[in-house]
Amino acid sequence: MNIREESLQFLQDLHTQLKQQNFGGLEATLLQFGLDKALSTEVLRTARKIGFDEGVILLATLGKANTNRVAEFEFELLAYQVKGKVLTWQQAWSQANQLETTRLHPFMALAKALFQAMDSEYPPEAPLGFGRKIRDKTHWENAVLLLCDAGRFGSVLPFFQQWQGCDESDMPWLLTSRAIMETHEDSMMALRSHFKTLDPCLRGLIAATPKSYATIGQEMWWELSKLRLDNRDVDGAWAAMKSIPNYEDQPNLVKTLSELYVRSGDMPQARNLLEKYIGLMLEKKLQDGEAPRKTKTNEVFASGLAEQVLKDVNRILRDAGLAAMLISGSLLGCIRENKILPHDKDVDMGIIGWENQYKLMDVLSASGEFFIDARDLKGEQTYLIAATHCRTRMPVDFFFFHDRGTHFRHAITFDIGHSLYFNFSKFQPLEHEFLGEKFLIPSNFETNLSENYGDWRTPNSEYVVTLDSPALEDPGSEDYQLQALVEIVNGFLMNCTANKMRHIVQKAQTSLHFPPLLKQRTHQLMAEWLAS
């Protein structure tokens, strides 16, 4: 178990003891984990990130009394007092000025803690207010970083303009732009909610691009294109992409550009672009002497946390009368291994009927333990909803099976914009004991696994559901052809083993349903690379 998983497990145990007001168990949990580890920056950051306010307050109180990092923990407590409206901003700032700290300007430390604690927008006068107190370049840069970290993009542009008024060099623009792009790249999904403030911020910075940094300005057009595309503004994304010189010949733009072609309805052009990208990637790998990986890595799923998340969501949904079944990888682990699959990536549950998406949203939101993006609710077009367990950030995928009379239909819609459809024999929920509790599974679970995996009893590390599943509705469709190329690209990005890459390429080149997707030159490069 890595440090992050240890921290999450510890915080989950802490949450349980606090919820039950079991103070003896609370003390035992702290001592077992180790007080020094519990008061580390890593644990405090994780507690803050998952919104575990009681944990932050408890750890900060303990840290203030048991370490020499008094100022750091005091800033945390002040921030949460402002968040809870125990103190006003002015009172917290006054108290922060009384603290002794040589590491950070008092405002910077308090503002950072406050931004990280608060969910609502920070007071609009804050950037101009604290800008006047900053004299050192490092503090200016830290201020931009904390604004970006907290998603206060509406404050970034006026703050940059104030910084530029104090420093007429290109440095304010360069450091602000880099901070924006790094935050954007790390948190694309989280930034959806910040679209209205981040879009004008990016446009303002692009308009101020110094001539000496034109290349970075072009990268920001790409960031703007990705942001708009992620927020379903296809026309706006095209406008941003076309501002990049020779955009069709730049390999790093391939995913965004191919998604634009898909969403514009030009599937042939999207396939041509991906094929071209694959060829360019192969040329670079051969030139750099980068051989394919021969063996699998030892990365494993956090199965201990997954078991708890699975039990939590099962309990919540069963109590609400919503029949959610183990499905896909979770069902395979249950039936074949009698445990969570160690190399799976998420928790999978199935629900019959797209109409149940609204009840699922209500129940999980009311629980306070799971997050669902309301934009994933698409009525009759909803086939999959990705929920997130708030404390652990563990993903839980809900598969919706649409009743088509003679069969159930399911679909996967991919980030790039296309969809694949799957047909399954009809089933009903069947109670089954797993992990010491009662779960629901499909009544025809063996048939369901066979339709999904083929020979499901034999582990197959090369299996790719989008290419191999017997349940695929139309393996000759344009969407399937595009997905075969996408899987090759994903194989590069995920550093798949040579054997798995061979399997994916074979599907793309030898399917009975469509002609080879790789041109002869690209296929030769692939064979040469796989043999290296």
Protein backbone atom coordinates (compact mmCIF):
# COMPACT_ATOMS: atom_id res chain seq x y z
CA MET A 1 0.00 0.00 0.00
CA ASN A 2 1.49 3.38 -1.01
CA ILE A 3 1.54 6.56 1.08
CA ARG A 4 -1.65 7.96 -0.43
CA GLU A 5 -3.57 4.73 0.14
CA GLU A 6 -2.29 4.56 3.74
CA SER A 7 -3.40 8.15 4.31
CA LEU A 8 -6.85 7.50 2.84
CA GLN A 9 -7.31 4.34 4.91
CA PHE A 10 -6.24 6.17 8.06
CA LEU A 11 -8.59 9.09 7.37
CA GLN A 12 -11.43 6.69 6.63
CA ASP A 13 -10.85 4.98 10.01
CA LEU A 14 -10.66 8.40 11.66
CA HIS A 15 -13.95 9.43 10.04
CA THR A 16 -15.65 6.26 11.30
CA GLN A 17 -14.51 6.84 14.90
CA LEU A 18 -15.55 10.51 14.85
CA LYS A 19 -18.94 9.65 13.33
CA GLN A 20 -19.54 7.08 16.07
CA GLN A 21 -18.08 9.42 18.74
CA ASN A 22 -15.84 6.54 19.75
CA PHE A 23 -13.05 8.52 21.41
CA GLY A 24 -11.26 5.44 22.70
CA GLY A 25 -11.17 4.05 19.16
CA LEU A 26 -10.06 7.46 17.91
CA GLU A 27 -7.03 7.45 20.20
CA ALA A 28 -6.23 3.85 19.22
CA THR A 29 -6.44 4.73 15.52
CA LEU A 30 -4.04 7.66 15.97
CA LEU A 31 -1.55 5.65 17.97
CA GLN A 32 -1.66 2.68 15.60
CA PHE A 33 -1.04 4.88 12.56
CA GLY A 34 1.60 6.91 14.41
CA LEU A 35 1.15 10.49 15.57
CA ASP A 36 4.12 11.76 13.54
CA LYS A 37 2.64 10.28 10.34
CA ALA A 38 -0.86 11.51 11.23
CA LEU A 39 0.42 15.08 11.57
CA SER A 40 2.39 15.02 8.32
CA THR A 41 1.73 17.50 5.54
CA GLU A 42 0.69 14.61 3.27
CA VAL A 43 -2.14 13.47 5.57
CA LEU A 44 -3.34 17.03 6.21
CA ARG A 45 -3.35 17.78 2.48
CA THR A 46 -5.29 14.59 1.75
CA ALA A 47 -7.88 15.36 4.46
CA ARG A 48 -8.34 18.82 3.01
CA LYS A 49 -8.60 17.54 -0.54
CA ILE A 50 -11.36 15.03 0.24
CA GLY A 51 -13.33 17.59 2.25
CA PHE A 52 -12.88 15.90 5.63
CA ASP A 53 -13.26 19.13 7.66
CA GLU A 54 -13.52 17.46 11.08
CA GLY A 55 -10.30 15.58 10.35
CA VAL A 56 -8.44 18.76 9.38
CA ILE A 57 -9.56 20.52 12.57
CA LEU A 58 -8.64 17.53 14.76
CA LEU A 59 -5.21 17.07 13.16
CA ALA A 60 -4.44 20.80 13.18
CA THR A 61 -5.38 21.03 16.87
CA LEU A 62 -3.17 18.06 17.69
CA GLY A 63 -0.36 19.42 15.53
CA LYS A 64 -0.45 22.81 17.21
CA ALA A 65 0.00 21.14 20.62
CA ASN A 66 2.45 18.39 19.68
CA THR A 67 4.84 19.80 17.05
CA ASN A 68 7.02 22.85 16.47
CA ARG A 69 4.97 23.73 13.34
CA VAL A 70 2.61 25.88 15.41
CA ALA A 71 2.12 28.62 12.80
CA GLU A 72 1.29 26.14 10.03
CA PHE A 73 -1.43 24.46 12.07
CA GLU A 74 -2.71 27.80 13.40
CA PHE A 75 -3.23 28.98 9.82
CA GLU A 76 -5.27 25.84 9.14
CA LEU A 77 -7.47 26.46 12.18
CA LEU A 78 -7.97 30.12 11.28
CA ALA A 79 -9.02 29.14 7.76
CA TYR A 80 -11.60 26.66 9.00
CA GLN A 81 -12.91 29.21 11.51
CA VAL A 82 -13.51 31.59 8.59
CA LYS A 83 -15.12 28.78 6.61
CA GLY A 84 -17.42 28.02 9.55
CA LYS A 85 -18.11 31.78 10.00
CA VAL A 86 -16.67 31.71 13.51
CA LEU A 87 -14.27 34.48 12.43
CA THR A 88 -14.52 37.16 9.77
CA TRP A 89 -11.78 37.52 7.18
CA GLN A 90 -10.53 40.69 8.91
CA GLN A 91 -10.33 38.97 12.32
CA ALA A 92 -8.40 36.02 10.85
CA TRP A 93 -5.97 38.36 9.05
CA SER A 94 -5.38 40.28 12.29
CA GLN A 95 -4.61 37.08 14.18
CA ALA A 96 -2.38 35.78 11.36
CA ASN A 97 -0.23 38.92 11.61
CA GLN A 98 0.53 38.09 15.23
CA LEU A 99 2.01 34.68 14.34
CA GLU A 100 5.74 34.18 14.00
CA THR A 101 6.76 32.55 10.72
CA THR A 102 9.84 32.96 8.58
CA ARG A 103 8.74 30.67 5.76
CA LEU A 104 5.84 32.62 4.28
CA HIS A 105 4.34 36.07 4.35
CA PRO A 106 1.48 35.78 6.91
CA PHE A 107 -1.15 36.60 4.33
CA MET A 108 0.21 34.04 1.91
CA ALA A 109 0.07 31.25 4.47
CA LEU A 110 -3.40 32.17 5.68
CA ALA A 111 -4.77 32.72 2.18
CA LYS A 112 -3.41 29.37 1.04
CA ALA A 113 -5.06 27.57 3.96
CA LEU A 114 -8.26 29.55 3.45
CA PHE A 115 -8.45 28.85 -0.28
CA GLN A 116 -7.90 25.16 0.35
CA ALA A 117 -10.59 25.08 3.01
CA MET A 118 -13.33 27.08 1.31
CA ASP A 119 -15.68 25.87 -1.41
CA SER A 120 -17.28 29.24 -2.19
CA GLU A 121 -15.63 32.03 -4.20
CA TYR A 122 -13.17 34.15 -2.29
CA PRO A 123 -14.16 37.82 -1.73
CA PRO A 124 -13.50 39.69 -5.04
CA GLU A 125 -11.51 42.48 -3.35
CA ALA A 126 -8.94 40.02 -1.99
CA PRO A 127 -6.49 39.91 -4.94
CA LEU A 128 -6.06 43.70 -5.07
CA GLY A 129 -5.99 43.88 -1.29
CA PHE A 130 -3.19 41.42 -0.75
CA GLY A 131 -1.26 42.43 -3.87
CA ARG A 132 -0.30 45.73 -2.26
CA LYS A 133 1.38 43.82 0.57
CA ILE A 134 3.65 41.75 -1.73
CA ARG A 135 7.13 42.97 -2.62
CA ASP A 136 9.09 39.79 -3.35
CA LYS A 137 8.78 38.00 -6.75
CA THR A 138 8.52 34.63 -5.03
CA HIS A 139 5.48 35.81 -3.10
CA TRP A 140 3.83 37.05 -6.30
CA GLU A 141 4.42 33.65 -7.90
CA ASN A 142 3.15 31.80 -4.82
CA ALA A 143 0.03 33.95 -4.86
CA VAL A 144 -0.72 32.95 -8.47
CA LEU A 145 -0.14 29.30 -7.64
CA LEU A 146 -2.46 29.34 -4.65
CA LEU A 147 -5.17 31.10 -6.71
CA CYS A 148 -4.85 28.40 -9.39
CA ASP A 149 -4.73 25.56 -6.85
CA ALA A 150 -7.97 26.82 -5.32
CA GLY A 151 -9.65 27.32 -8.71
CA ARG A 152 -9.99 31.11 -8.19
CA PHE A 153 -9.44 31.79 -11.90
CA GLY A 154 -11.68 34.85 -11.83
CA SER A 155 -9.08 36.46 -9.56
CA VAL A 156 -6.00 35.39 -11.57
CA LEU A 157 -6.31 37.90 -14.44
CA PRO A 158 -6.77 41.06 -12.30
CA PHE A 159 -4.00 39.84 -10.01
CA PHE A 160 -1.69 39.29 -13.01
CA GLN A 161 -2.48 42.81 -14.24
CA GLN A 162 -1.60 44.22 -10.80
CA TRP A 163 1.64 42.24 -10.75
CA GLN A 164 2.47 43.52 -14.24
CA GLY A 165 1.98 47.05 -12.94
CA CYS A 166 4.72 46.42 -10.39
CA ASP A 167 7.01 44.48 -12.74
CA GLU A 168 7.05 45.50 -16.43
CA SER A 169 9.20 42.53 -17.52
CA ASP A 170 7.72 39.41 -19.17
CA MET A 171 8.13 37.43 -15.94
CA PRO A 172 4.60 38.04 -14.55
CA TRP A 173 3.05 36.77 -17.78
CA LEU A 174 5.36 33.77 -18.06
CA LEU A 175 4.88 32.56 -14.48
CA THR A 176 1.12 33.18 -14.48
CA SER A 177 0.65 31.34 -17.79
CA ARG A 178 2.70 28.37 -16.62
CA ALA A 179 0.71 28.15 -13.40
CA ILE A 180 -2.57 28.17 -15.34
CA MET A 181 -1.44 25.48 -17.79
CA GLU A 182 -0.01 23.18 -15.12
CA THR A 183 -3.22 23.41 -13.09
CA HIS A 184 -5.31 22.87 -16.20
CA GLU A 185 -3.36 19.80 -17.30
CA ASP A 186 -3.54 18.16 -13.87
CA SER A 187 -7.21 18.83 -13.20
CA MET A 188 -9.11 18.87 -16.50
CA MET A 189 -12.18 17.11 -15.12
CA ALA A 190 -12.32 19.27 -12.00
CA LEU A 191 -12.08 22.44 -14.08
CA ARG A 192 -15.45 21.92 -15.78
CA SER A 193 -17.12 23.87 -12.99
CA HIS A 194 -14.64 26.74 -13.46
CA PHE A 195 -15.29 27.15 -17.20
CA LYS A 196 -16.95 30.57 -16.90
CA THR A 197 -13.97 32.05 -15.06
CA LEU A 198 -11.13 30.09 -16.67
CA ASP A 199 -12.14 30.77 -20.30
CA PRO A 200 -11.90 34.59 -20.02
CA CYS A 201 -8.75 34.23 -17.90
CA LEU A 202 -7.03 32.24 -20.66
CA ARG A 203 -8.23 34.65 -23.34
CA GLY A 204 -6.91 37.61 -21.34
CA LEU A 205 -3.50 36.02 -20.91
CA ILE A 206 -3.36 35.02 -24.60
CA ALA A 207 -4.10 38.62 -25.60
CA ALA A 208 -1.20 39.79 -23.42
CA THR A 209 1.33 37.26 -24.83
CA PRO A 210 4.79 38.86 -25.23
CA LYS A 211 6.38 38.36 -28.66
CA SER A 212 9.28 36.47 -27.10
CA TYR A 213 6.87 33.83 -25.75
CA ALA A 214 4.71 33.24 -28.82
CA THR A 215 5.18 29.45 -28.55
CA ILE A 216 3.71 29.36 -25.05
CA GLY A 217 0.88 31.55 -26.31
CA GLN A 218 0.12 28.88 -28.91
CA GLU A 219 0.08 26.22 -26.17
CA MET A 220 -2.50 28.30 -24.34
CA TRP A 221 -4.72 28.28 -27.44
CA TRP A 222 -4.57 24.50 -27.19
CA GLU A 223 -5.49 24.62 -23.49
CA LEU A 224 -8.42 26.87 -24.39
CA SER A 225 -9.50 24.47 -27.13
CA LYS A 226 -9.43 21.49 -24.73
CA LEU A 227 -11.34 23.44 -22.09
CA ARG A 228 -14.08 24.45 -24.54
CA LEU A 229 -14.33 20.97 -25.99
CA ASP A 230 -14.63 19.47 -22.51
CA ASN A 231 -17.53 21.87 -21.97
CA ARG A 232 -19.21 20.82 -25.25
CA ASP A 233 -18.43 24.07 -27.09
CA VAL A 234 -17.28 22.47 -30.37
CA ASP A 235 -17.38 25.69 -32.43
CA GLY A 236 -15.41 27.57 -29.80
CA ALA A 237 -12.87 24.73 -29.61
CA TRP A 238 -12.40 24.80 -33.39
CA ALA A 239 -11.87 28.58 -33.30
CA ALA A 240 -9.15 28.18 -30.65
CA MET A 241 -7.46 25.25 -32.43
CA LYS A 242 -7.29 27.13 -35.76
CA SER A 243 -5.34 29.89 -34.04
CA ILE A 244 -2.40 27.44 -33.73
CA PRO A 245 -0.08 27.54 -36.79
CA ASN A 246 0.05 24.21 -38.71
CA TYR A 247 -2.21 22.63 -36.09
CA GLU A 248 -2.94 19.54 -38.22
CA ASP A 249 0.74 18.57 -38.30
CA GLN A 250 1.43 18.74 -34.56
CA PRO A 251 1.36 15.27 -32.92
CA ASN A 252 0.72 16.63 -29.42
CA LEU A 253 -2.64 18.02 -30.57
CA VAL A 254 -3.89 14.72 -31.97
CA LYS A 255 -6.38 13.74 -29.25
CA THR A 256 -8.06 17.15 -29.12
CA LEU A 257 -8.07 17.48 -32.90
CA SER A 258 -9.42 13.97 -33.51
CA GLU A 259 -12.15 14.60 -30.93
CA LEU A 260 -13.09 17.76 -32.82
CA TYR A 261 -13.41 15.76 -36.05
CA VAL A 262 -15.54 13.11 -34.33
CA ARG A 263 -17.86 15.66 -32.76
CA SER A 264 -18.12 17.43 -36.12
CA GLY A 265 -19.20 14.14 -37.75
CA ASP A 266 -16.06 13.58 -39.86
CA MET A 267 -15.08 10.03 -38.78
CA PRO A 268 -12.83 9.27 -41.81
CA GLN A 269 -10.71 12.35 -41.07
CA ALA A 270 -10.51 11.39 -37.38
CA ARG A 271 -9.24 7.90 -38.36
CA ASN A 272 -6.71 9.33 -40.82
CA LEU A 273 -5.40 11.66 -38.14
CA LEU A 274 -5.00 8.86 -35.57
CA GLU A 275 -3.26 6.62 -38.13
CA LYS A 276 -0.86 9.45 -38.96
CA TYR A 277 -0.20 10.03 -35.26
CA ILE A 278 0.57 6.33 -34.71
CA GLY A 279 3.14 6.45 -37.51
CA LEU A 280 4.80 9.55 -36.04
CA MET A 281 4.91 7.94 -32.59
CA LEU A 282 6.53 4.79 -33.99
CA GLU A 283 9.16 6.78 -35.87
CA LYS A 284 10.05 8.64 -32.67
CA LYS A 285 10.21 5.47 -30.54
CA LEU A 286 12.49 3.75 -33.07
CA GLN A 287 14.68 6.83 -33.38
CA ASP A 288 15.00 7.10 -29.57
CA GLY A 289 15.63 3.36 -29.17
CA GLU A 290 12.55 3.01 -26.94
CA ALA A 291 11.50 -0.66 -27.00
CA PRO A 292 8.05 -1.92 -25.91
CA ARG A 293 7.70 -3.19 -22.36
CA LYS A 294 8.10 -6.97 -22.10
CA THR A 295 6.41 -7.65 -18.75
CA LYS A 296 3.51 -6.27 -16.74
CA THR A 297 4.10 -3.81 -13.91
CA ASN A 298 3.30 -4.72 -10.32
CA GLU A 299 0.71 -1.95 -9.95
CA VAL A 300 -2.39 -3.22 -8.18
CA PHE A 301 -5.82 -1.89 -7.40
CA ALA A 302 -6.34 -0.58 -3.86
CA SER A 303 -8.53 -3.60 -3.11
CA GLY A 304 -8.85 -2.89 0.63
CA LEU A 305 -10.34 0.53 -0.02
CA ALA A 306 -12.39 -0.85 -2.91
CA GLU A 307 -14.03 -3.43 -0.65
CA GLN A 308 -15.11 -0.72 1.77
CA VAL A 309 -16.39 1.53 -1.03
CA LEU A 310 -18.30 -1.41 -2.55
CA LYS A 311 -19.90 -2.19 0.80
CA ASP A 312 -20.76 1.48 1.37
CA VAL A 313 -22.48 1.97 -1.98
CA ASN A 314 -24.24 -1.41 -1.72
CA ARG A 315 -25.62 -0.50 1.72
CA ILE A 316 -26.78 2.96 0.61
CA LEU A 317 -28.55 1.71 -2.53
CA ARG A 318 -30.14 -1.36 -0.90
CA ASP A 319 -31.49 0.77 1.95
CA ALA A 320 -33.07 3.03 -0.68
CA GLY A 321 -34.63 0.08 -2.53
CA LEU A 322 -32.46 0.52 -5.65
CA ALA A 323 -31.40 -2.85 -7.13
CA ALA A 324 -27.77 -2.32 -8.16
CA MET A 325 -25.86 -5.48 -9.12
CA LEU A 326 -22.19 -6.38 -9.34
CA ILE A 327 -21.30 -6.32 -13.03
CA SER A 328 -18.31 -6.45 -15.39
CA GLY A 329 -14.94 -6.60 -13.53
CA SER A 330 -16.55 -6.59 -10.08
CA LEU A 331 -18.78 -9.53 -11.06
CA LEU A 332 -15.81 -11.38 -12.56
CA GLY A 333 -13.84 -10.94 -9.33
CA CYS A 334 -16.82 -12.07 -7.25
CA ILE A 335 -17.56 -15.25 -9.23
CA ARG A 336 -14.12 -16.35 -10.43
CA GLU A 337 -11.86 -15.16 -7.58
CA ASN A 338 -14.28 -14.50 -4.71
CA LYS A 339 -12.47 -11.17 -4.17
CA ILE A 340 -11.86 -7.81 -5.80
CA LEU A 341 -9.62 -8.26 -8.84
CA PRO A 342 -6.17 -6.93 -7.86
CA HIS A 343 -5.53 -5.35 -11.28
CA ASP A 344 -8.98 -3.84 -11.85
CA LYS A 345 -9.29 -0.05 -11.98
CA ASP A 346 -12.69 0.71 -10.45
CA VAL A 347 -15.86 -0.67 -8.90
CA ASP A 348 -18.60 -1.70 -11.37
CA MET A 349 -22.33 -1.93 -10.66
CA GLY A 350 -25.26 -2.51 -13.02
CA ILE A 351 -28.82 -1.14 -12.91
CA ILE A 352 -31.74 -2.21 -15.13
CA GLY A 353 -33.58 0.72 -16.72
CA TRP A 354 -32.24 4.17 -17.64
CA GLU A 355 -35.10 5.74 -15.64
CA ASN A 356 -33.31 4.80 -12.41
CA GLN A 357 -30.52 7.31 -13.06
CA TYR A 358 -32.50 10.05 -11.32
CA LYS A 359 -33.10 8.01 -8.19
CA LEU A 360 -29.42 7.04 -8.17
CA MET A 361 -28.47 10.72 -8.32
CA ASP A 362 -30.84 11.61 -5.47
CA VAL A 363 -29.79 8.73 -3.22
CA LEU A 364 -26.01 9.10 -3.63
CA SER A 365 -26.12 12.90 -3.37
CA ALA A 366 -28.25 12.72 -0.23
CA SER A 367 -25.81 10.26 1.35
CA GLY A 368 -23.02 12.85 1.26
CA GLU A 369 -20.56 10.02 0.55
CA PHE A 370 -20.55 10.06 -3.26
CA PHE A 371 -20.33 12.69 -5.98
CA ILE A 372 -22.10 12.50 -9.36
CA ASP A 373 -21.78 15.13 -12.08
CA ALA A 374 -25.38 16.03 -12.99
CA ARG A 375 -24.30 16.50 -16.60
CA ASP A 376 -23.87 12.73 -16.85
CA LEU A 377 -27.65 12.37 -16.61
CA LYS A 378 -28.74 12.27 -20.27
CA GLY A 379 -32.17 10.67 -20.10
CA GLU A 380 -32.61 7.83 -22.59
CA GLN A 381 -29.01 8.30 -23.75
CA THR A 382 -27.58 7.44 -20.32
CA TYR A 383 -25.70 4.14 -20.35
CA LEU A 384 -22.93 4.82 -17.84
CA ILE A 385 -22.53 7.20 -14.89
CA ALA A 386 -19.18 7.58 -13.14
CA ALA A 387 -19.57 8.39 -9.44
CA THR A 388 -16.73 9.20 -7.03
CA HIS A 389 -16.45 8.17 -3.38
CA CYS A 390 -15.76 11.50 -1.70
CA ARG A 391 -13.39 10.37 1.07
CA THR A 392 -11.22 8.02 -0.99
CA ARG A 393 -11.72 9.37 -4.55
CA MET A 394 -12.40 5.76 -5.56
CA PRO A 395 -14.38 5.63 -8.86
CA VAL A 396 -17.64 3.67 -9.04
CA ASP A 397 -19.09 3.06 -12.52
CA PHE A 398 -22.83 2.45 -12.87
CA PHE A 399 -23.82 0.54 -16.02
CA PHE A 400 -27.43 1.11 -17.16
CA PHE A 401 -29.07 -1.73 -19.10
CA HIS A 402 -31.83 -0.60 -21.47
CA ASP A 403 -34.65 -3.09 -22.05
CA ARG A 404 -34.98 -3.73 -25.80
CA GLY A 405 -37.61 -6.45 -25.45
CA THR A 406 -35.52 -9.44 -26.51
CA HIS A 407 -32.30 -8.26 -24.84
CA PHE A 408 -30.61 -5.58 -22.72
CA ARG A 409 -28.54 -2.91 -24.45
CA HIS A 410 -25.55 -1.14 -22.92
CA ALA A 411 -23.10 1.41 -24.37
CA ILE A 412 -19.77 3.09 -23.65
CA THR A 413 -19.34 6.68 -24.81
CA PHE A 414 -15.69 7.68 -24.99
CA ASP A 415 -14.00 11.02 -24.29
CA ILE A 416 -13.23 11.42 -27.95
CA GLY A 417 -16.98 11.51 -28.69
CA HIS A 418 -17.95 8.14 -30.23
CA SER A 419 -19.90 5.20 -28.73
CA LEU A 420 -19.85 1.40 -28.78
CA TYR A 421 -22.98 -0.66 -28.06
CA PHE A 422 -23.29 -4.06 -26.37
CA ASN A 423 -26.18 -6.55 -26.29
CA PHE A 424 -26.75 -8.90 -23.33
CA SER A 425 -29.28 -11.60 -22.54
CA LYS A 426 -31.93 -10.35 -20.11
CA PHE A 427 -31.57 -11.08 -16.38
CA GLN A 428 -33.01 -10.25 -12.98
CA PRO A 429 -31.25 -9.34 -9.70
CA LEU A 430 -30.16 -12.38 -7.69
CA GLU A 431 -28.95 -12.19 -4.08
CA HIS A 432 -25.43 -13.51 -3.53
CA GLU A 433 -23.02 -13.44 -0.56
CA PHE A 434 -19.71 -11.68 -1.20
CA LEU A 435 -17.13 -10.18 1.18
CA GLY A 436 -19.28 -11.31 4.10
CA GLU A 437 -22.32 -9.30 2.98
CA LYS A 438 -25.38 -9.67 0.72
CA PHE A 439 -24.99 -8.28 -2.80
CA LEU A 440 -27.08 -8.52 -5.96
CA ILE A 441 -25.72 -10.11 -9.15
CA PRO A 442 -27.34 -10.96 -12.52
CA SER A 443 -29.45 -14.12 -12.29
CA ASN A 444 -27.70 -15.51 -15.40
CA PHE A 445 -24.25 -14.51 -14.15
CA GLU A 446 -22.35 -17.23 -16.05
CA THR A 447 -24.06 -16.32 -19.33
CA ASN A 448 -23.49 -12.64 -18.64
CA LEU A 449 -19.77 -13.19 -18.04
CA SER A 450 -19.49 -15.32 -21.20
CA GLU A 451 -21.20 -12.64 -23.27
CA ASN A 452 -18.86 -10.02 -21.85
CA TYR A 453 -15.54 -11.89 -21.72
CA GLY A 454 -15.86 -15.11 -23.74
CA ASP A 455 -13.77 -17.63 -21.79
CA TRP A 456 -14.10 -15.78 -18.49
CA ARG A 457 -12.83 -18.70 -16.40
CA THR A 458 -9.29 -18.27 -17.79
CA PRO A 459 -7.48 -15.01 -16.87
CA ASN A 460 -6.51 -13.11 -20.03
CA SER A 461 -4.17 -10.14 -19.61
CA GLU A 462 -4.52 -9.22 -23.30
CA TYR A 463 -8.32 -8.87 -23.20
CA VAL A 464 -9.64 -5.47 -24.38
CA VAL A 465 -13.38 -5.10 -23.81
CA THR A 466 -13.86 -2.58 -26.65
CA LEU A 467 -12.32 -4.97 -29.19
CA ASP A 468 -12.88 -8.48 -27.80
CA SER A 469 -16.25 -8.56 -26.06
CA PRO A 470 -18.67 -11.05 -27.70
CA ALA A 471 -21.49 -8.69 -26.67
CA LEU A 472 -20.38 -5.98 -29.14
CA GLU A 473 -23.40 -5.01 -31.23
CA ASP A 474 -21.65 -4.01 -34.46
CA PRO A 475 -17.91 -4.79 -34.61
CA GLY A 476 -17.82 -3.43 -38.16
CA SER A 477 -19.07 0.06 -37.37
CA GLU A 478 -17.13 3.27 -37.93
CA ASP A 479 -17.08 3.72 -34.15
CA TYR A 480 -15.45 0.32 -33.70
CA GLN A 481 -12.83 1.09 -36.37
CA LEU A 482 -12.01 4.38 -34.67
CA GLN A 483 -11.77 2.62 -31.29
CA ALA A 484 -9.26 0.09 -32.66
CA LEU A 485 -6.94 3.00 -33.50
CA VAL A 486 -7.67 4.70 -30.18
CA GLU A 487 -6.63 1.50 -28.37
CA ILE A 488 -3.27 1.54 -30.18
CA VAL A 489 -2.75 5.17 -29.12
CA ASN A 490 -3.79 4.27 -25.56
CA GLY A 491 -1.35 1.38 -25.66
CA PHE A 492 1.47 3.87 -26.27
CA LEU A 493 0.26 6.24 -23.56
CA MET A 494 -0.27 3.47 -20.97
CA ASN A 495 2.97 1.68 -21.88
CA CYS A 496 1.22 -1.64 -22.60
CA THR A 497 3.29 -4.80 -22.93
CA ALA A 498 4.46 -5.93 -26.36
CA ASN A 499 2.05 -8.90 -26.27
CA LYS A 500 -0.96 -6.72 -25.56
CA MET A 501 0.07 -4.26 -28.28
CA ARG A 502 0.39 -7.16 -30.76
CA HIS A 503 -3.11 -8.27 -29.85
CA ILE A 504 -4.56 -4.77 -30.36
CA VAL A 505 -2.74 -4.30 -33.67
CA GLN A 506 -3.93 -7.69 -34.89
CA LYS A 507 -7.51 -6.62 -34.21
CA ALA A 508 -6.96 -3.39 -36.13
CA GLN A 509 -5.32 -5.14 -39.08
CA THR A 510 -7.06 -8.50 -39.49
CA SER A 511 -10.71 -7.98 -38.51
CA LEU A 512 -13.19 -9.64 -40.87
CA HIS A 513 -15.46 -6.63 -40.52
CA PHE A 514 -13.29 -3.90 -42.07
CA PRO A 515 -10.06 -3.45 -44.10
CA PRO A 516 -6.68 -2.95 -42.34
CA LEU A 517 -6.61 0.38 -40.52
CA LEU A 518 -2.83 0.88 -40.54
CA LYS A 519 -1.22 1.84 -43.82
CA GLN A 520 1.58 -0.42 -45.07
CA ARG A 521 4.35 1.95 -43.96
CA THR A 522 2.85 2.30 -40.45
CA HIS A 523 2.33 -1.45 -40.17
CA GLN A 524 5.98 -2.06 -41.07
CA LEU A 525 7.11 0.45 -38.43
CA MET A 526 4.88 -1.28 -35.87
CA ALA A 527 6.33 -4.70 -36.68
CA GLU A 528 9.87 -3.31 -36.40
CA TRP A 529 9.14 -1.65 -33.06
CA LEU A 530 7.42 -4.72 -31.56
CA ALA A 531 10.42 -6.84 -32.59
CA SER A 532 12.91 -4.46 -30.93
